[in-house]
Amino acid sequence: MYVGTLSFDLLLGDVRSLKEKRSVVRPIVAELQRKYAVSAAEVDHMDLHRRAVIGLALVSGDAAHVSDILDRCERLVAARPEVELLSVRRRFHGEDD
């Protein structure tokens, strides 16, 4: 069993309220879940309207599959014009961990 996680630290564009923030973050989380069958959620900076951290996790029996899906998720978030990707933290846990 292999587990991969990503944590995206995002700077949101022209967002002036927490309500506007939700309208930016929720579609990103929903698209990650729908396209790649990962568990995803906003996990930090809940009270800041221009910052967000989205975390996701994936479990698979194939290490290459986990790596491929994490790469695709990272590209999807990086390509979103309404956010600036400040950093990505990737963790990979295999059977030897």
C-alpha atoms as a PDB file:
ATOM      1  CA  MET A   1       0.000   0.000   0.000  1.00  0.00           C
ATOM      2  CA  TYR A   2       1.232   3.467  -0.918  1.00  0.00           C
ATOM      3  CA  VAL A   3      -0.053   6.781   0.401  1.00  0.00           C
ATOM      4  CA  GLY A   4       0.700  10.121  -1.195  1.00  0.00           C
ATOM      5  CA  THR A   5      -0.182  13.544   0.151  1.00  0.00           C
ATOM      6  CA  LEU A   6       0.093  17.067  -1.195  1.00  0.00           C
ATOM      7  CA  SER A   7      -0.297  20.367   0.591  1.00  0.00           C
ATOM      8  CA  PHE A   8      -0.766  23.481  -1.559  1.00  0.00           C
ATOM      9  CA  ASP A   9      -0.101  26.902  -0.038  1.00  0.00           C
ATOM     10  CA  LEU A  10      -2.095  29.359  -2.141  1.00  0.00           C
ATOM     11  CA  LEU A  11      -2.300  33.121  -2.458  1.00  0.00           C
ATOM     12  CA  LEU A  12      -5.718  34.063  -3.778  1.00  0.00           C
ATOM     13  CA  GLY A  13      -6.141  36.840  -6.314  1.00  0.00           C
ATOM     14  CA  ASP A  14      -8.703  39.618  -6.008  1.00  0.00           C
ATOM     15  CA  VAL A  15     -10.557  38.246  -2.968  1.00  0.00           C
ATOM     16  CA  ARG A  16     -11.996  40.650  -0.409  1.00  0.00           C
ATOM     17  CA  SER A  17     -14.021  38.392   1.880  1.00  0.00           C
ATOM     18  CA  LEU A  18     -14.233  34.866   3.247  1.00  0.00           C
ATOM     19  CA  LYS A  19     -17.330  34.330   1.098  1.00  0.00           C
ATOM     20  CA  GLU A  20     -15.349  35.176  -2.052  1.00  0.00           C
ATOM     21  CA  LYS A  21     -12.547  32.921  -0.810  1.00  0.00           C
ATOM     22  CA  ARG A  22     -14.964  29.979  -0.574  1.00  0.00           C
ATOM     23  CA  SER A  23     -16.102  30.654  -4.149  1.00  0.00           C
ATOM     24  CA  VAL A  24     -12.492  30.204  -5.290  1.00  0.00           C
ATOM     25  CA  VAL A  25     -11.369  27.328  -3.052  1.00  0.00           C
ATOM     26  CA  ARG A  26     -14.428  25.069  -3.229  1.00  0.00           C
ATOM     27  CA  PRO A  27     -14.327  24.577  -7.022  1.00  0.00           C
ATOM     28  CA  ILE A  28     -10.636  23.644  -6.857  1.00  0.00           C
ATOM     29  CA  VAL A  29     -11.277  21.080  -4.108  1.00  0.00           C
ATOM     30  CA  ALA A  30     -14.301  19.697  -5.980  1.00  0.00           C
ATOM     31  CA  GLU A  31     -12.386  19.362  -9.250  1.00  0.00           C
ATOM     32  CA  LEU A  32      -9.514  17.517  -7.552  1.00  0.00           C
ATOM     33  CA  GLN A  33     -11.981  15.111  -5.955  1.00  0.00           C
ATOM     34  CA  ARG A  34     -14.003  14.589  -9.130  1.00  0.00           C
ATOM     35  CA  LYS A  35     -11.150  14.229 -11.634  1.00  0.00           C
ATOM     36  CA  TYR A  36      -8.681  12.232  -9.567  1.00  0.00           C
ATOM     37  CA  ALA A  37     -10.703  10.495  -6.825  1.00  0.00           C
ATOM     38  CA  VAL A  38      -8.550  11.956  -4.054  1.00  0.00           C
ATOM     39  CA  SER A  39      -9.564  13.139  -0.607  1.00  0.00           C
ATOM     40  CA  ALA A  40      -9.155  16.914  -0.570  1.00  0.00           C
ATOM     41  CA  ALA A  41     -10.074  19.800   1.731  1.00  0.00           C
ATOM     42  CA  GLU A  42      -9.069  23.284   2.791  1.00  0.00           C
ATOM     43  CA  VAL A  43      -6.897  22.596   5.833  1.00  0.00           C
ATOM     44  CA  ASP A  44      -5.337  25.870   7.003  1.00  0.00           C
ATOM     45  CA  HIS A  45      -5.644  29.682   6.960  1.00  0.00           C
ATOM     46  CA  MET A  46      -9.415  29.384   7.323  1.00  0.00           C
ATOM     47  CA  ASP A  47      -9.706  32.890   8.795  1.00  0.00           C
ATOM     48  CA  LEU A  48      -7.540  34.668   6.182  1.00  0.00           C
ATOM     49  CA  HIS A  49      -9.339  35.755   3.042  1.00  0.00           C
ATOM     50  CA  ARG A  50      -6.343  35.864   0.653  1.00  0.00           C
ATOM     51  CA  ARG A  51      -4.551  32.681   1.759  1.00  0.00           C
ATOM     52  CA  ALA A  52      -5.561  29.037   1.675  1.00  0.00           C
ATOM     53  CA  VAL A  53      -3.950  25.663   2.178  1.00  0.00           C
ATOM     54  CA  ILE A  54      -5.492  22.731   0.362  1.00  0.00           C
ATOM     55  CA  GLY A  55      -4.479  19.247   1.433  1.00  0.00           C
ATOM     56  CA  LEU A  56      -5.101  16.028  -0.420  1.00  0.00           C
ATOM     57  CA  ALA A  57      -4.384  12.346   0.052  1.00  0.00           C
ATOM     58  CA  LEU A  58      -4.405   9.292  -2.191  1.00  0.00           C
ATOM     59  CA  VAL A  59      -4.053   5.581  -1.436  1.00  0.00           C
ATOM     60  CA  SER A  60      -3.107   2.976  -4.039  1.00  0.00           C
ATOM     61  CA  GLY A  61      -1.439  -0.382  -4.400  1.00  0.00           C
ATOM     62  CA  ASP A  62       0.859   0.996  -7.109  1.00  0.00           C
ATOM     63  CA  ALA A  63       3.592   3.550  -6.346  1.00  0.00           C
ATOM     64  CA  ALA A  64       3.742   4.772  -9.953  1.00  0.00           C
ATOM     65  CA  HIS A  65      -0.003   5.455  -9.916  1.00  0.00           C
ATOM     66  CA  VAL A  66       0.296   7.542  -6.750  1.00  0.00           C
ATOM     67  CA  SER A  67       3.158   9.556  -8.219  1.00  0.00           C
ATOM     68  CA  ASP A  68       1.282  10.118 -11.502  1.00  0.00           C
ATOM     69  CA  ILE A  69      -1.905  11.312  -9.778  1.00  0.00           C
ATOM     70  CA  LEU A  70       0.014  13.644  -7.442  1.00  0.00           C
ATOM     71  CA  ASP A  71       1.790  15.155 -10.477  1.00  0.00           C
ATOM     72  CA  ARG A  72      -1.551  15.692 -12.233  1.00  0.00           C
ATOM     73  CA  CYS A  73      -3.087  17.310  -9.156  1.00  0.00           C
ATOM     74  CA  GLU A  74      -0.137  19.652  -8.812  1.00  0.00           C
ATOM     75  CA  ARG A  75      -0.394  20.695 -12.477  1.00  0.00           C
ATOM     76  CA  LEU A  76      -4.141  21.294 -12.126  1.00  0.00           C
ATOM     77  CA  VAL A  77      -3.730  23.632  -9.155  1.00  0.00           C
ATOM     78  CA  ALA A  78      -0.713  25.420 -10.657  1.00  0.00           C
ATOM     79  CA  ALA A  79      -2.684  26.111 -13.849  1.00  0.00           C
ATOM     80  CA  ARG A  80      -5.553  27.884 -12.058  1.00  0.00           C
ATOM     81  CA  PRO A  81      -5.315  31.590 -12.991  1.00  0.00           C
ATOM     82  CA  GLU A  82      -7.200  32.814  -9.906  1.00  0.00           C
ATOM     83  CA  VAL A  83      -4.561  31.533  -7.466  1.00  0.00           C
ATOM     84  CA  GLU A  84      -0.803  31.810  -7.081  1.00  0.00           C
ATOM     85  CA  LEU A  85       0.843  28.593  -5.935  1.00  0.00           C
ATOM     86  CA  LEU A  86       3.326  29.658  -3.236  1.00  0.00           C
ATOM     87  CA  SER A  87       4.552  26.195  -2.284  1.00  0.00           C
ATOM     88  CA  VAL A  88       3.779  22.506  -2.558  1.00  0.00           C
ATOM     89  CA  ARG A  89       4.660  19.926   0.052  1.00  0.00           C
ATOM     90  CA  ARG A  90       4.656  16.329  -1.131  1.00  0.00           C
ATOM     91  CA  ARG A  91       4.869  13.259   1.047  1.00  0.00           C
ATOM     92  CA  PHE A  92       5.023   9.665  -0.070  1.00  0.00           C
ATOM     93  CA  HIS A  93       4.649   6.725   2.279  1.00  0.00           C
ATOM     94  CA  GLY A  94       5.430   3.224   1.059  1.00  0.00           C
ATOM     95  CA  GLU A  95       5.401  -0.218   2.554  1.00  0.00           C
ATOM     96  CA  ASP A  96       8.888   0.316   4.028  1.00  0.00           C
ATOM     97  CA  ASP A  97       7.802   3.290   6.171  1.00  0.00           C
END
